[in-house]
Amino acid sequence: MLEETERGEDTALARYRSALKDELPADIRSVVEAQMQGVQRNHDQIRALRDQHKAAATH
């Protein structure tokens, strides 16, 4: 389940990166960048949980 969630976060990050390649008004760019940072934090937390779970399963 964590791997699927991480895959979803990967997809979201890719879309945010794509959106930021476009010309956006400064206020919109600021919002998109802030949202992308939140998605990145979520992604990193999910990856850490996944790695902890894998490590616990092998012990």
Protein backbone atom coordinates (compact mmCIF):
# COMPACT_ATOMS: atom_id res chain seq x y z
CA MET A 1 0.00 0.00 0.00
CA LEU A 2 2.85 2.40 0.80
CA GLU A 3 4.44 1.71 -2.59
CA GLU A 4 1.18 2.56 -4.36
CA THR A 5 0.85 5.75 -2.33
CA GLU A 6 4.41 6.71 -3.21
CA ARG A 7 3.65 6.10 -6.88
CA GLY A 8 0.68 8.46 -6.61
CA GLU A 9 2.89 11.10 -5.03
CA ASP A 10 5.42 10.59 -7.86
CA THR A 11 2.66 11.30 -10.36
CA ALA A 12 1.57 14.42 -8.49
CA LEU A 13 5.16 15.71 -8.34
CA ALA A 14 5.60 15.15 -12.06
CA ARG A 15 2.46 17.18 -12.77
CA TYR A 16 3.55 20.02 -10.52
CA ARG A 17 6.98 20.08 -12.20
CA SER A 18 5.29 20.16 -15.58
CA ALA A 19 3.02 23.01 -14.51
CA LEU A 20 6.00 25.00 -13.27
CA LYS A 21 7.62 24.79 -16.71
CA ASP A 22 4.79 26.97 -18.03
CA GLU A 23 4.63 30.74 -17.76
CA LEU A 24 2.47 31.41 -14.71
CA PRO A 25 1.53 34.66 -13.02
CA ALA A 26 3.73 35.19 -9.95
CA ASP A 27 0.92 34.67 -7.46
CA ILE A 28 -0.17 31.42 -9.12
CA ARG A 29 3.44 30.20 -9.37
CA SER A 30 3.88 30.86 -5.65
CA VAL A 31 0.82 28.75 -4.80
CA VAL A 32 1.87 25.90 -7.11
CA GLU A 33 5.40 25.90 -5.68
CA ALA A 34 4.07 25.80 -2.10
CA GLN A 35 1.73 22.95 -2.95
CA MET A 36 4.54 21.05 -4.66
CA GLN A 37 6.70 21.42 -1.55
CA GLY A 38 3.88 19.88 0.49
CA VAL A 39 3.59 16.98 -1.92
CA GLN A 40 7.36 16.49 -1.78
CA ARG A 41 7.26 16.36 2.04
CA ASN A 42 4.43 13.81 1.89
CA HIS A 43 6.37 11.76 -0.65
CA ASP A 44 9.47 11.76 1.54
CA GLN A 45 7.47 10.70 4.60
CA ILE A 46 5.79 7.88 2.70
CA ARG A 47 9.14 6.69 1.35
CA ALA A 48 10.60 6.68 4.87
CA LEU A 49 7.63 4.67 6.16
CA ARG A 50 7.97 2.23 3.27
CA ASP A 51 11.68 1.78 3.95
CA GLN A 52 11.02 1.26 7.69
CA HIS A 53 8.39 -1.35 6.89
CA LYS A 54 10.73 -3.20 4.51
CA ALA A 55 13.52 -3.14 7.10
CA ALA A 56 11.21 -4.47 9.82
CA ALA A 57 9.91 -7.21 7.53
CA THR A 58 13.41 -8.50 6.82
CA HIS A 59 14.32 -8.81 10.50
